[in-house]
Amino acid sequence: MLKMAVIGNDVSESLSPKMHTFIMNKLGVEIKYDKVSIPVENFENEFPKVLKEYDTLNVTIPYKLDVIPYLDELKDDGKIFKSINTIDCRTKFGYNTDGVGFMLMIENAGIYAKDKTVLVLGTGGVGRTVIKKLVTSGATVSAFDLNQDGLKELHDEFPHFTALANIENKPYDIIINCTGVGMHKSVGKSPVGEDLLKLCNAAVDLIYVPEKSEFLRLAEINGKKICNGEAMLFYQAYYADCIFLNRKCDNEEAKKLFLEYRSM
């Protein structure tokens, strides 16, 4: 039986245990899956212990960059994006399945990035992954982060997008929220105003609790196509579990499992 967990600053409302248990059981594997919340001030002391305690870890906000120094090697998209959401503790290898999960999610929602203008809000672990995946998929990307130093650091590393000092009300085909604004203590808040959302064609929020954030609500009442992050979470979980099992991924299988999961 695999001993698995999701780690983050606050994973109390995470759907990861439910999703991974469903996926692994469908793939014929029994697991024990925990939620491990680690306060930021305790990360350096607690994470090494957690890394030894589990067979596999799924990593969420805000530790997708912080875990890297503790790993022996970054693999595949993890190496490209320098952001880790999947750790095989048995090998200390780090992976990133957010990018492939994100692209499958938006495509299944009828939102296509190629040749589109995209505004990405937030350039942390998942934001940097989304930006790089969008650019390599043929989108023209602009990004904003309140942490301008972090934004500049990303742009220095990957100068293929426009780094914004502020957000102007101008048209974008897609606006994507990769910040935590709209969940936990900020429920009911949106990272941008309704005037900007009126100018876009689609809004994607990687938040999935609540199911419809204020950001998505404002976009929807203005007739925009919307998508929350639940499918991305499921797809990246599926891809991660395939890595853990050394199993070939299948997009059609991922879609079928997600539909079955949603119908529960």
C-alpha atoms as a PDB file:
ATOM      1  CA  MET A   1       0.000   0.000   0.000  1.00  0.00           C
ATOM      2  CA  LEU A   2       1.419   3.383  -0.998  1.00  0.00           C
ATOM      3  CA  LYS A   3       1.593   6.042   1.696  1.00  0.00           C
ATOM      4  CA  MET A   4       0.762   9.355   0.025  1.00  0.00           C
ATOM      5  CA  ALA A   5       0.050  12.939   1.077  1.00  0.00           C
ATOM      6  CA  VAL A   6      -0.585  16.458  -0.175  1.00  0.00           C
ATOM      7  CA  ILE A   7       1.461  19.221   1.455  1.00  0.00           C
ATOM      8  CA  GLY A   8       0.890  22.960   1.546  1.00  0.00           C
ATOM      9  CA  ASN A   9       0.486  25.853   3.938  1.00  0.00           C
ATOM     10  CA  ASP A  10      -3.192  24.987   4.449  1.00  0.00           C
ATOM     11  CA  VAL A  11      -4.563  21.866   2.768  1.00  0.00           C
ATOM     12  CA  SER A  12      -7.532  21.455   5.096  1.00  0.00           C
ATOM     13  CA  GLU A  13     -10.003  21.792   2.209  1.00  0.00           C
ATOM     14  CA  SER A  14      -7.933  19.963  -0.404  1.00  0.00           C
ATOM     15  CA  LEU A  15      -9.713  17.506  -2.682  1.00  0.00           C
ATOM     16  CA  SER A  16      -6.455  15.641  -3.321  1.00  0.00           C
ATOM     17  CA  PRO A  17      -7.164  12.733  -0.934  1.00  0.00           C
ATOM     18  CA  LYS A  18     -10.514  12.042  -2.554  1.00  0.00           C
ATOM     19  CA  MET A  19      -9.166  12.361  -6.089  1.00  0.00           C
ATOM     20  CA  HIS A  20      -6.010  10.302  -5.665  1.00  0.00           C
ATOM     21  CA  THR A  21      -7.842   7.573  -3.774  1.00  0.00           C
ATOM     22  CA  PHE A  22     -10.440   7.395  -6.557  1.00  0.00           C
ATOM     23  CA  ILE A  23      -7.817   7.323  -9.327  1.00  0.00           C
ATOM     24  CA  MET A  24      -5.510   4.831  -7.639  1.00  0.00           C
ATOM     25  CA  ASN A  25      -8.382   2.497  -6.762  1.00  0.00           C
ATOM     26  CA  LYS A  26      -9.596   2.629 -10.370  1.00  0.00           C
ATOM     27  CA  LEU A  27      -6.056   1.708 -11.436  1.00  0.00           C
ATOM     28  CA  GLY A  28      -6.129  -1.236  -9.019  1.00  0.00           C
ATOM     29  CA  VAL A  29      -3.886   0.192  -6.278  1.00  0.00           C
ATOM     30  CA  GLU A  30      -4.632   0.640  -2.572  1.00  0.00           C
ATOM     31  CA  ILE A  31      -3.288   3.782  -0.885  1.00  0.00           C
ATOM     32  CA  LYS A  32      -3.340   5.705   2.371  1.00  0.00           C
ATOM     33  CA  TYR A  33      -3.572   9.428   1.638  1.00  0.00           C
ATOM     34  CA  ASP A  34      -3.058  12.227   4.195  1.00  0.00           C
ATOM     35  CA  LYS A  35      -3.355  16.023   4.236  1.00  0.00           C
ATOM     36  CA  VAL A  36      -0.269  17.688   5.706  1.00  0.00           C
ATOM     37  CA  SER A  37      -0.460  21.430   6.389  1.00  0.00           C
ATOM     38  CA  ILE A  38       2.910  23.015   7.150  1.00  0.00           C
ATOM     39  CA  PRO A  39       3.010  26.652   8.330  1.00  0.00           C
ATOM     40  CA  VAL A  40       5.554  28.689   6.363  1.00  0.00           C
ATOM     41  CA  GLU A  41       7.660  29.387   9.457  1.00  0.00           C
ATOM     42  CA  ASN A  42       7.952  25.624  10.123  1.00  0.00           C
ATOM     43  CA  PHE A  43       8.697  24.443   6.579  1.00  0.00           C
ATOM     44  CA  GLU A  44      12.485  24.025   6.921  1.00  0.00           C
ATOM     45  CA  ASN A  45      12.101  21.919  10.050  1.00  0.00           C
ATOM     46  CA  GLU A  46       9.090  19.845   9.053  1.00  0.00           C
ATOM     47  CA  PHE A  47       9.508  19.134   5.341  1.00  0.00           C
ATOM     48  CA  PRO A  48      12.599  16.878   5.593  1.00  0.00           C
ATOM     49  CA  LYS A  49      10.686  14.687   8.062  1.00  0.00           C
ATOM     50  CA  VAL A  50       7.654  14.508   5.770  1.00  0.00           C
ATOM     51  CA  LEU A  51       9.875  13.616   2.808  1.00  0.00           C
ATOM     52  CA  LYS A  52      11.104  10.555   4.715  1.00  0.00           C
ATOM     53  CA  GLU A  53       7.689   9.572   6.068  1.00  0.00           C
ATOM     54  CA  TYR A  54       5.826   9.158   2.762  1.00  0.00           C
ATOM     55  CA  ASP A  55       6.275   7.230  -0.492  1.00  0.00           C
ATOM     56  CA  THR A  56       4.922  10.086  -2.609  1.00  0.00           C
ATOM     57  CA  LEU A  57       3.938  13.726  -2.132  1.00  0.00           C
ATOM     58  CA  ASN A  58       1.748  16.141  -4.034  1.00  0.00           C
ATOM     59  CA  VAL A  59       2.808  19.741  -3.478  1.00  0.00           C
ATOM     60  CA  THR A  60       0.599  22.833  -3.492  1.00  0.00           C
ATOM     61  CA  ILE A  61       0.697  26.536  -2.500  1.00  0.00           C
ATOM     62  CA  PRO A  62       3.206  27.913  -1.531  1.00  0.00           C
ATOM     63  CA  TYR A  63       5.887  25.206  -1.648  1.00  0.00           C
ATOM     64  CA  LYS A  64       6.310  24.297  -5.335  1.00  0.00           C
ATOM     65  CA  LEU A  65       9.655  26.113  -5.440  1.00  0.00           C
ATOM     66  CA  ASP A  66      10.699  25.575  -1.810  1.00  0.00           C
ATOM     67  CA  VAL A  67      10.851  21.783  -2.136  1.00  0.00           C
ATOM     68  CA  ILE A  68      13.458  21.842  -4.923  1.00  0.00           C
ATOM     69  CA  PRO A  69      16.623  22.064  -2.763  1.00  0.00           C
ATOM     70  CA  TYR A  70      15.583  18.870  -0.970  1.00  0.00           C
ATOM     71  CA  LEU A  71      15.355  16.791  -4.177  1.00  0.00           C
ATOM     72  CA  ASP A  72      18.059  14.803  -5.967  1.00  0.00           C
ATOM     73  CA  GLU A  73      16.810  15.462  -9.496  1.00  0.00           C
ATOM     74  CA  LEU A  74      14.122  17.358 -11.426  1.00  0.00           C
ATOM     75  CA  LYS A  75      12.498  15.405 -14.239  1.00  0.00           C
ATOM     76  CA  ASP A  76      10.542  16.240 -17.410  1.00  0.00           C
ATOM     77  CA  ASP A  77       8.424  19.415 -17.001  1.00  0.00           C
ATOM     78  CA  GLY A  78       9.778  19.832 -13.481  1.00  0.00           C
ATOM     79  CA  LYS A  79      13.200  20.483 -14.973  1.00  0.00           C
ATOM     80  CA  ILE A  80      11.795  22.896 -17.559  1.00  0.00           C
ATOM     81  CA  PHE A  81       9.458  24.854 -15.278  1.00  0.00           C
ATOM     82  CA  LYS A  82      11.599  24.797 -12.107  1.00  0.00           C
ATOM     83  CA  SER A  83       8.382  24.219 -10.174  1.00  0.00           C
ATOM     84  CA  ILE A  84       7.433  20.924  -8.524  1.00  0.00           C
ATOM     85  CA  ASN A  85       3.998  19.555  -7.699  1.00  0.00           C
ATOM     86  CA  THR A  86       4.855  15.846  -7.650  1.00  0.00           C
ATOM     87  CA  ILE A  87       7.554  14.112  -5.614  1.00  0.00           C
ATOM     88  CA  ASP A  88       8.501  10.458  -5.614  1.00  0.00           C
ATOM     89  CA  CYS A  89      10.029  10.272  -2.139  1.00  0.00           C
ATOM     90  CA  ARG A  90      11.480   6.838  -2.902  1.00  0.00           C
ATOM     91  CA  THR A  91      13.844   8.358  -5.493  1.00  0.00           C
ATOM     92  CA  LYS A  92      13.700  12.025  -4.405  1.00  0.00           C
ATOM     93  CA  PHE A  93      12.778  12.905  -7.991  1.00  0.00           C
ATOM     94  CA  GLY A  94      10.566  15.961  -8.583  1.00  0.00           C
ATOM     95  CA  TYR A  95       8.074  16.348 -11.423  1.00  0.00           C
ATOM     96  CA  ASN A  96       5.541  18.868 -12.649  1.00  0.00           C
ATOM     97  CA  THR A  97       2.206  17.620 -13.932  1.00  0.00           C
ATOM     98  CA  ASP A  98       0.430  20.990 -13.566  1.00  0.00           C
ATOM     99  CA  GLY A  99       1.237  22.058 -17.121  1.00  0.00           C
ATOM    100  CA  VAL A 100      -0.222  19.035 -18.883  1.00  0.00           C
ATOM    101  CA  GLY A 101      -3.161  19.016 -16.477  1.00  0.00           C
ATOM    102  CA  PHE A 102      -3.838  22.701 -17.142  1.00  0.00           C
ATOM    103  CA  MET A 103      -3.778  22.353 -20.921  1.00  0.00           C
ATOM    104  CA  LEU A 104      -6.091  19.321 -20.906  1.00  0.00           C
ATOM    105  CA  MET A 105      -8.484  21.178 -18.589  1.00  0.00           C
ATOM    106  CA  ILE A 106      -8.866  24.314 -20.694  1.00  0.00           C
ATOM    107  CA  GLU A 107      -9.110  22.382 -23.957  1.00  0.00           C
ATOM    108  CA  ASN A 108     -11.878  20.203 -22.536  1.00  0.00           C
ATOM    109  CA  ALA A 109     -13.636  23.435 -21.482  1.00  0.00           C
ATOM    110  CA  GLY A 110     -13.476  24.716 -25.064  1.00  0.00           C
ATOM    111  CA  ILE A 111     -10.791  27.315 -24.296  1.00  0.00           C
ATOM    112  CA  TYR A 112      -7.833  27.251 -26.677  1.00  0.00           C
ATOM    113  CA  ALA A 113      -4.597  29.138 -26.096  1.00  0.00           C
ATOM    114  CA  LYS A 114      -2.877  28.992 -29.474  1.00  0.00           C
ATOM    115  CA  ASP A 115      -2.662  32.450 -31.078  1.00  0.00           C
ATOM    116  CA  LYS A 116      -4.626  34.004 -28.193  1.00  0.00           C
ATOM    117  CA  THR A 117      -3.735  36.909 -25.901  1.00  0.00           C
ATOM    118  CA  VAL A 118      -3.622  35.816 -22.267  1.00  0.00           C
ATOM    119  CA  LEU A 119      -3.261  37.679 -18.971  1.00  0.00           C
ATOM    120  CA  VAL A 120      -1.886  35.544 -16.142  1.00  0.00           C
ATOM    121  CA  LEU A 121      -2.345  36.770 -12.569  1.00  0.00           C
ATOM    122  CA  GLY A 122       0.294  35.418 -10.213  1.00  0.00           C
ATOM    123  CA  THR A 123       3.753  34.080 -11.028  1.00  0.00           C
ATOM    124  CA  GLY A 124       4.372  31.685  -8.153  1.00  0.00           C
ATOM    125  CA  GLY A 125       4.835  27.949  -8.620  1.00  0.00           C
ATOM    126  CA  VAL A 126       1.705  27.249 -10.657  1.00  0.00           C
ATOM    127  CA  GLY A 127       1.760  30.672 -12.346  1.00  0.00           C
ATOM    128  CA  ARG A 128       5.235  30.168 -13.787  1.00  0.00           C
ATOM    129  CA  THR A 129       4.184  26.734 -15.036  1.00  0.00           C
ATOM    130  CA  VAL A 130       1.058  28.101 -16.707  1.00  0.00           C
ATOM    131  CA  ILE A 131       2.992  30.959 -18.328  1.00  0.00           C
ATOM    132  CA  LYS A 132       5.630  28.669 -19.799  1.00  0.00           C
ATOM    133  CA  LYS A 133       3.045  26.134 -20.987  1.00  0.00           C
ATOM    134  CA  LEU A 134       0.951  28.859 -22.637  1.00  0.00           C
ATOM    135  CA  VAL A 135       3.946  30.395 -24.403  1.00  0.00           C
ATOM    136  CA  THR A 136       5.119  27.035 -25.724  1.00  0.00           C
ATOM    137  CA  SER A 137       1.537  26.411 -26.901  1.00  0.00           C
ATOM    138  CA  GLY A 138       1.572  29.535 -29.072  1.00  0.00           C
ATOM    139  CA  ALA A 139      -0.156  32.118 -26.848  1.00  0.00           C
ATOM    140  CA  THR A 140       0.920  35.747 -26.388  1.00  0.00           C
ATOM    141  CA  VAL A 141       1.213  36.087 -22.621  1.00  0.00           C
ATOM    142  CA  SER A 142       1.283  39.051 -20.237  1.00  0.00           C
ATOM    143  CA  ALA A 143       1.621  38.524 -16.489  1.00  0.00           C
ATOM    144  CA  PHE A 144       1.224  40.523 -13.311  1.00  0.00           C
ATOM    145  CA  ASP A 145       2.198  39.821  -9.729  1.00  0.00           C
ATOM    146  CA  LEU A 146       2.087  42.044  -6.660  1.00  0.00           C
ATOM    147  CA  ASN A 147       5.499  40.563  -5.932  1.00  0.00           C
ATOM    148  CA  GLN A 148       7.330  42.523  -8.615  1.00  0.00           C
ATOM    149  CA  ASP A 149      10.697  41.063  -7.604  1.00  0.00           C
ATOM    150  CA  GLY A 150       9.399  37.548  -8.200  1.00  0.00           C
ATOM    151  CA  LEU A 151       7.883  38.618 -11.516  1.00  0.00           C
ATOM    152  CA  LYS A 152      11.200  40.138 -12.624  1.00  0.00           C
ATOM    153  CA  GLU A 153      13.091  37.038 -11.551  1.00  0.00           C
ATOM    154  CA  LEU A 154      10.804  34.863 -13.679  1.00  0.00           C
ATOM    155  CA  HIS A 155      11.098  37.239 -16.637  1.00  0.00           C
ATOM    156  CA  ASP A 156      14.888  37.210 -16.377  1.00  0.00           C
ATOM    157  CA  GLU A 157      14.774  33.415 -16.464  1.00  0.00           C
ATOM    158  CA  PHE A 158      12.099  33.176 -19.177  1.00  0.00           C
ATOM    159  CA  PRO A 159      11.797  36.448 -21.158  1.00  0.00           C
ATOM    160  CA  HIS A 160       9.142  35.191 -23.582  1.00  0.00           C
ATOM    161  CA  PHE A 161       6.213  37.003 -21.973  1.00  0.00           C
ATOM    162  CA  THR A 162       5.402  40.603 -21.038  1.00  0.00           C
ATOM    163  CA  ALA A 163       5.913  41.468 -17.372  1.00  0.00           C
ATOM    164  CA  LEU A 164       3.411  44.111 -16.231  1.00  0.00           C
ATOM    165  CA  ALA A 165       4.087  46.745 -13.584  1.00  0.00           C
ATOM    166  CA  ASN A 166       0.329  47.282 -13.277  1.00  0.00           C
ATOM    167  CA  ILE A 167      -2.892  46.010 -14.824  1.00  0.00           C
ATOM    168  CA  GLU A 168      -4.697  48.179 -17.342  1.00  0.00           C
ATOM    169  CA  ASN A 169      -8.259  47.645 -18.509  1.00  0.00           C
ATOM    170  CA  LYS A 170      -7.546  46.299 -21.996  1.00  0.00           C
ATOM    171  CA  PRO A 171      -8.901  43.324 -23.945  1.00  0.00           C
ATOM    172  CA  TYR A 172      -7.492  39.836 -23.479  1.00  0.00           C
ATOM    173  CA  ASP A 173      -8.826  36.621 -24.954  1.00  0.00           C
ATOM    174  CA  ILE A 174      -8.249  34.775 -21.668  1.00  0.00           C
ATOM    175  CA  ILE A 175      -7.570  35.902 -18.095  1.00  0.00           C
ATOM    176  CA  ILE A 176      -6.201  33.276 -15.721  1.00  0.00           C
ATOM    177  CA  ASN A 177      -6.085  33.593 -11.928  1.00  0.00           C
ATOM    178  CA  CYS A 178      -3.080  31.742 -10.520  1.00  0.00           C
ATOM    179  CA  THR A 179      -3.190  33.585  -7.184  1.00  0.00           C
ATOM    180  CA  GLY A 180      -4.880  32.477  -3.983  1.00  0.00           C
ATOM    181  CA  VAL A 181      -7.254  35.464  -4.048  1.00  0.00           C
ATOM    182  CA  GLY A 182     -10.790  34.140  -3.788  1.00  0.00           C
ATOM    183  CA  MET A 183     -10.278  31.202  -1.421  1.00  0.00           C
ATOM    184  CA  HIS A 184      -9.902  30.685   2.316  1.00  0.00           C
ATOM    185  CA  LYS A 185      -9.945  34.077   4.064  1.00  0.00           C
ATOM    186  CA  SER A 186     -10.316  35.966   0.761  1.00  0.00           C
ATOM    187  CA  VAL A 187     -13.527  34.234  -0.383  1.00  0.00           C
ATOM    188  CA  GLY A 188     -15.751  36.809  -2.093  1.00  0.00           C
ATOM    189  CA  LYS A 189     -12.823  38.821  -3.439  1.00  0.00           C
ATOM    190  CA  SER A 190     -11.561  38.956  -7.030  1.00  0.00           C
ATOM    191  CA  PRO A 191      -7.964  39.665  -8.080  1.00  0.00           C
ATOM    192  CA  VAL A 192      -9.244  42.023 -10.804  1.00  0.00           C
ATOM    193  CA  GLY A 193     -12.318  44.157 -11.258  1.00  0.00           C
ATOM    194  CA  GLU A 194     -15.432  43.627 -13.341  1.00  0.00           C
ATOM    195  CA  ASP A 195     -14.420  46.332 -15.853  1.00  0.00           C
ATOM    196  CA  LEU A 196     -11.447  44.243 -16.960  1.00  0.00           C
ATOM    197  CA  LEU A 197     -13.395  40.991 -17.012  1.00  0.00           C
ATOM    198  CA  LYS A 198     -15.950  42.589 -19.341  1.00  0.00           C
ATOM    199  CA  LEU A 199     -13.172  42.940 -21.915  1.00  0.00           C
ATOM    200  CA  CYS A 200     -12.088  39.285 -21.942  1.00  0.00           C
ATOM    201  CA  ASN A 201     -13.608  36.276 -23.717  1.00  0.00           C
ATOM    202  CA  ALA A 202     -12.871  33.624 -21.111  1.00  0.00           C
ATOM    203  CA  ALA A 203     -11.862  33.487 -17.452  1.00  0.00           C
ATOM    204  CA  VAL A 204     -10.016  30.586 -15.857  1.00  0.00           C
ATOM    205  CA  ASP A 205      -9.554  30.342 -12.092  1.00  0.00           C
ATOM    206  CA  LEU A 206      -7.245  27.677 -10.721  1.00  0.00           C
ATOM    207  CA  ILE A 207      -9.179  27.926  -7.441  1.00  0.00           C
ATOM    208  CA  TYR A 208     -11.785  25.172  -7.075  1.00  0.00           C
ATOM    209  CA  VAL A 209     -13.033  25.859  -3.525  1.00  0.00           C
ATOM    210  CA  PRO A 210     -15.408  27.639  -3.755  1.00  0.00           C
ATOM    211  CA  GLU A 211     -16.573  26.066  -7.017  1.00  0.00           C
ATOM    212  CA  LYS A 212     -17.411  29.498  -8.442  1.00  0.00           C
ATOM    213  CA  SER A 213     -15.099  32.212  -7.150  1.00  0.00           C
ATOM    214  CA  GLU A 214     -16.005  35.886  -7.235  1.00  0.00           C
ATOM    215  CA  PHE A 215     -13.611  36.207 -10.207  1.00  0.00           C
ATOM    216  CA  LEU A 216     -15.597  33.591 -12.146  1.00  0.00           C
ATOM    217  CA  ARG A 217     -18.958  34.936 -10.978  1.00  0.00           C
ATOM    218  CA  LEU A 218     -18.145  38.396 -12.312  1.00  0.00           C
ATOM    219  CA  ALA A 219     -17.005  36.922 -15.628  1.00  0.00           C
ATOM    220  CA  GLU A 220     -20.075  34.711 -15.951  1.00  0.00           C
ATOM    221  CA  ILE A 221     -22.635  37.465 -15.329  1.00  0.00           C
ATOM    222  CA  ASN A 222     -20.965  39.328 -18.182  1.00  0.00           C
ATOM    223  CA  GLY A 223     -21.427  36.405 -20.545  1.00  0.00           C
ATOM    224  CA  LYS A 224     -17.881  35.056 -20.513  1.00  0.00           C
ATOM    225  CA  LYS A 225     -16.839  31.415 -20.742  1.00  0.00           C
ATOM    226  CA  ILE A 226     -15.551  30.262 -17.338  1.00  0.00           C
ATOM    227  CA  CYS A 227     -13.592  27.333 -15.961  1.00  0.00           C
ATOM    228  CA  ASN A 228     -12.460  26.537 -12.423  1.00  0.00           C
ATOM    229  CA  GLY A 229      -9.420  24.474 -11.476  1.00  0.00           C
ATOM    230  CA  GLU A 230     -11.050  21.218 -10.402  1.00  0.00           C
ATOM    231  CA  ALA A 231     -10.378  19.395 -13.676  1.00  0.00           C
ATOM    232  CA  MET A 232      -6.754  20.572 -13.660  1.00  0.00           C
ATOM    233  CA  LEU A 233      -6.371  19.195 -10.148  1.00  0.00           C
ATOM    234  CA  PHE A 234      -7.815  15.874 -11.267  1.00  0.00           C
ATOM    235  CA  TYR A 235      -5.735  15.630 -14.431  1.00  0.00           C
ATOM    236  CA  GLN A 236      -2.479  16.569 -12.743  1.00  0.00           C
ATOM    237  CA  ALA A 237      -3.320  13.985 -10.061  1.00  0.00           C
ATOM    238  CA  TYR A 238      -3.886  11.345 -12.748  1.00  0.00           C
ATOM    239  CA  TYR A 239      -0.586  12.168 -14.460  1.00  0.00           C
ATOM    240  CA  ALA A 240       1.204  12.134 -11.083  1.00  0.00           C
ATOM    241  CA  ASP A 241      -0.256   8.752 -10.160  1.00  0.00           C
ATOM    242  CA  CYS A 242       0.871   7.337 -13.502  1.00  0.00           C
ATOM    243  CA  ILE A 243       4.395   8.534 -12.685  1.00  0.00           C
ATOM    244  CA  PHE A 244       4.250   6.917  -9.252  1.00  0.00           C
ATOM    245  CA  LEU A 245       3.124   3.644 -10.834  1.00  0.00           C
ATOM    246  CA  ASN A 246       5.515   3.883 -13.813  1.00  0.00           C
ATOM    247  CA  ARG A 247       2.410   3.674 -15.992  1.00  0.00           C
ATOM    248  CA  LYS A 248       1.794   5.228 -19.409  1.00  0.00           C
ATOM    249  CA  CYS A 249      -0.599   8.208 -19.311  1.00  0.00           C
ATOM    250  CA  ASP A 250      -3.679   8.251 -21.539  1.00  0.00           C
ATOM    251  CA  ASN A 251      -5.642  11.492 -22.027  1.00  0.00           C
ATOM    252  CA  GLU A 252      -8.808   9.646 -22.973  1.00  0.00           C
ATOM    253  CA  GLU A 253      -8.553   7.534 -19.819  1.00  0.00           C
ATOM    254  CA  ALA A 254      -8.012  10.738 -17.802  1.00  0.00           C
ATOM    255  CA  LYS A 255     -11.145  12.337 -19.273  1.00  0.00           C
ATOM    256  CA  LYS A 256     -13.216   9.197 -18.700  1.00  0.00           C
ATOM    257  CA  LEU A 257     -12.086   8.920 -15.072  1.00  0.00           C
ATOM    258  CA  PHE A 258     -12.831  12.596 -14.432  1.00  0.00           C
ATOM    259  CA  LEU A 259     -16.384  12.264 -15.791  1.00  0.00           C
ATOM    260  CA  GLU A 260     -16.891   9.207 -13.585  1.00  0.00           C
ATOM    261  CA  TYR A 261     -15.458  11.087 -10.585  1.00  0.00           C
ATOM    262  CA  ARG A 262     -17.768  14.055 -11.206  1.00  0.00           C
ATOM    263  CA  SER A 263     -20.813  11.797 -11.365  1.00  0.00           C
ATOM    264  CA  MET A 264     -20.188  10.342  -7.896  1.00  0.00           C
END
